[in-house]
Amino acid sequence: MAIKDEKYYLIEVESYLPNSTSGLHGKVHIRPIPGQEDFPSTLRVECSKDLSRNYPVGTRFRIKAKLTDLLGGGKFVYSSFQWTYNVISLGKGPIIKD
């Protein structure tokens, strides 16, 4: 269930390896880069798997996204897997295809 009237924004995100993957899918995840109003780096990002599978860990991207939530669940950032994205900088970690 989306947050009513939430707008899409261009935000910067990065790939990372979480300390724990309990309850999560995959090894590499995407989070907002710190310092962006309304998009704290503690939020999870749902987006194209290309970002987590085809680039080194630590790569930064610019995506079109919005804040949303699930019925009975917490907030997260959503960007369609079909949308284009821009690579801002390549990370120095490995490429992990899980």
C-alpha atoms as a PDB file:
ATOM      1  CA  MET A   1       0.000   0.000   0.000  1.00  0.00           C
ATOM      2  CA  ALA A   2       1.619   3.233  -1.121  1.00  0.00           C
ATOM      3  CA  ILE A   3       1.746   6.368   0.950  1.00  0.00           C
ATOM      4  CA  LYS A   4      -0.959   8.606  -0.506  1.00  0.00           C
ATOM      5  CA  ASP A   5       0.204  11.391  -2.849  1.00  0.00           C
ATOM      6  CA  GLU A   6       3.895  10.629  -2.328  1.00  0.00           C
ATOM      7  CA  LYS A   7       5.979  12.139  -5.144  1.00  0.00           C
ATOM      8  CA  TYR A   8       8.935  10.610  -6.959  1.00  0.00           C
ATOM      9  CA  TYR A   9      12.359  12.190  -6.450  1.00  0.00           C
ATOM     10  CA  LEU A  10      15.825  11.703  -7.873  1.00  0.00           C
ATOM     11  CA  ILE A  11      17.851  10.305  -4.988  1.00  0.00           C
ATOM     12  CA  GLU A  12      21.322   8.852  -4.551  1.00  0.00           C
ATOM     13  CA  VAL A  13      21.738   5.298  -3.313  1.00  0.00           C
ATOM     14  CA  GLU A  14      24.612   2.864  -2.802  1.00  0.00           C
ATOM     15  CA  SER A  15      25.122  -0.871  -2.675  1.00  0.00           C
ATOM     16  CA  TYR A  16      26.388  -2.417   0.564  1.00  0.00           C
ATOM     17  CA  LEU A  17      26.769  -5.678   2.459  1.00  0.00           C
ATOM     18  CA  PRO A  18      24.530  -5.672   5.558  1.00  0.00           C
ATOM     19  CA  ASN A  19      25.927  -7.043   8.833  1.00  0.00           C
ATOM     20  CA  SER A  20      23.054  -9.524   8.958  1.00  0.00           C
ATOM     21  CA  THR A  21      20.936 -10.850   6.120  1.00  0.00           C
ATOM     22  CA  SER A  22      18.428 -12.592   8.363  1.00  0.00           C
ATOM     23  CA  GLY A  23      15.005 -12.096   6.761  1.00  0.00           C
ATOM     24  CA  LEU A  24      16.529 -10.403   3.702  1.00  0.00           C
ATOM     25  CA  HIS A  25      16.943 -11.636   0.138  1.00  0.00           C
ATOM     26  CA  GLY A  26      20.429 -11.701  -1.346  1.00  0.00           C
ATOM     27  CA  LYS A  27      23.832 -10.659  -0.049  1.00  0.00           C
ATOM     28  CA  VAL A  28      24.097  -7.169  -1.552  1.00  0.00           C
ATOM     29  CA  HIS A  29      21.519  -4.507  -0.706  1.00  0.00           C
ATOM     30  CA  ILE A  30      20.785  -0.904  -1.679  1.00  0.00           C
ATOM     31  CA  ARG A  31      20.315   2.032   0.713  1.00  0.00           C
ATOM     32  CA  PRO A  32      20.012   5.819   0.402  1.00  0.00           C
ATOM     33  CA  ILE A  33      23.255   7.744   0.798  1.00  0.00           C
ATOM     34  CA  PRO A  34      23.284   9.608   4.159  1.00  0.00           C
ATOM     35  CA  GLY A  35      22.234  13.263   4.284  1.00  0.00           C
ATOM     36  CA  GLN A  36      19.193  13.200   2.013  1.00  0.00           C
ATOM     37  CA  GLU A  37      16.113  14.740   3.553  1.00  0.00           C
ATOM     38  CA  ASP A  38      13.212  12.251   3.857  1.00  0.00           C
ATOM     39  CA  PHE A  39      15.445   9.321   2.815  1.00  0.00           C
ATOM     40  CA  PRO A  40      17.561   8.147   5.777  1.00  0.00           C
ATOM     41  CA  SER A  41      20.232   5.546   5.067  1.00  0.00           C
ATOM     42  CA  THR A  42      18.435   3.099   7.390  1.00  0.00           C
ATOM     43  CA  LEU A  43      15.696   2.554   4.783  1.00  0.00           C
ATOM     44  CA  ARG A  44      15.781  -0.398   2.401  1.00  0.00           C
ATOM     45  CA  VAL A  45      15.476   0.275  -1.332  1.00  0.00           C
ATOM     46  CA  GLU A  46      13.434  -1.879  -3.720  1.00  0.00           C
ATOM     47  CA  CYS A  47      14.796  -1.415  -7.238  1.00  0.00           C
ATOM     48  CA  SER A  48      16.341  -3.215 -10.206  1.00  0.00           C
ATOM     49  CA  LYS A  49      18.530  -6.175  -9.193  1.00  0.00           C
ATOM     50  CA  ASP A  50      21.059  -4.893 -11.747  1.00  0.00           C
ATOM     51  CA  LEU A  51      22.276  -2.410  -9.134  1.00  0.00           C
ATOM     52  CA  SER A  52      23.190  -5.127  -6.636  1.00  0.00           C
ATOM     53  CA  ARG A  53      24.345  -7.814  -9.098  1.00  0.00           C
ATOM     54  CA  ASN A  54      26.225  -6.060 -11.903  1.00  0.00           C
ATOM     55  CA  TYR A  55      28.388  -3.506 -10.084  1.00  0.00           C
ATOM     56  CA  PRO A  56      31.029  -3.630  -7.346  1.00  0.00           C
ATOM     57  CA  VAL A  57      29.803  -3.256  -3.753  1.00  0.00           C
ATOM     58  CA  GLY A  58      29.908   0.415  -2.775  1.00  0.00           C
ATOM     59  CA  THR A  59      28.797   1.697  -6.186  1.00  0.00           C
ATOM     60  CA  ARG A  60      26.630   4.815  -6.015  1.00  0.00           C
ATOM     61  CA  PHE A  61      23.642   5.415  -8.271  1.00  0.00           C
ATOM     62  CA  ARG A  62      21.030   8.097  -8.964  1.00  0.00           C
ATOM     63  CA  ILE A  63      17.520   6.667  -9.201  1.00  0.00           C
ATOM     64  CA  LYS A  64      13.950   7.940  -9.452  1.00  0.00           C
ATOM     65  CA  ALA A  65      12.184   6.757  -6.289  1.00  0.00           C
ATOM     66  CA  LYS A  66       9.559   7.472  -3.669  1.00  0.00           C
ATOM     67  CA  LEU A  67       8.910   6.645  -0.049  1.00  0.00           C
ATOM     68  CA  THR A  68       6.255   3.963   0.413  1.00  0.00           C
ATOM     69  CA  ASP A  69       5.128   1.290   2.862  1.00  0.00           C
ATOM     70  CA  LEU A  70       3.464  -2.090   3.088  1.00  0.00           C
ATOM     71  CA  LEU A  71       0.213  -2.756   4.852  1.00  0.00           C
ATOM     72  CA  GLY A  72       1.281  -3.491   8.414  1.00  0.00           C
ATOM     73  CA  GLY A  73       4.955  -3.086   7.511  1.00  0.00           C
ATOM     74  CA  GLY A  74       7.571  -0.402   7.652  1.00  0.00           C
ATOM     75  CA  LYS A  75       8.558   2.290   5.205  1.00  0.00           C
ATOM     76  CA  PHE A  76      10.954   1.674   2.350  1.00  0.00           C
ATOM     77  CA  VAL A  77      12.106   3.358  -0.867  1.00  0.00           C
ATOM     78  CA  TYR A  78      10.617   2.130  -4.156  1.00  0.00           C
ATOM     79  CA  SER A  79      11.958   2.495  -7.690  1.00  0.00           C
ATOM     80  CA  SER A  80      10.634   0.421 -10.602  1.00  0.00           C
ATOM     81  CA  PHE A  81      13.023  -2.244 -11.888  1.00  0.00           C
ATOM     82  CA  GLN A  82      12.201  -1.029 -15.419  1.00  0.00           C
ATOM     83  CA  TRP A  83      13.456   2.528 -14.936  1.00  0.00           C
ATOM     84  CA  THR A  84      16.846   3.775 -15.978  1.00  0.00           C
ATOM     85  CA  TYR A  85      19.454   4.751 -13.416  1.00  0.00           C
ATOM     86  CA  ASN A  86      22.772   6.575 -13.515  1.00  0.00           C
ATOM     87  CA  VAL A  87      26.040   5.295 -12.080  1.00  0.00           C
ATOM     88  CA  ILE A  88      27.632   8.086 -10.030  1.00  0.00           C
ATOM     89  CA  SER A  89      30.778   6.234  -8.944  1.00  0.00           C
ATOM     90  CA  LEU A  90      31.982   2.637  -8.933  1.00  0.00           C
ATOM     91  CA  GLY A  91      32.570   0.917  -5.600  1.00  0.00           C
ATOM     92  CA  LYS A  92      35.782  -0.771  -4.565  1.00  0.00           C
ATOM     93  CA  GLY A  93      34.168  -3.996  -3.361  1.00  0.00           C
ATOM     94  CA  PRO A  94      33.625  -7.227  -5.242  1.00  0.00           C
ATOM     95  CA  ILE A  95      30.851  -7.936  -7.715  1.00  0.00           C
ATOM     96  CA  ILE A  96      28.633 -10.509  -6.007  1.00  0.00           C
ATOM     97  CA  LYS A  97      26.063 -12.317  -8.118  1.00  0.00           C
ATOM     98  CA  ASP A  98      23.832 -14.257  -5.728  1.00  0.00           C
END
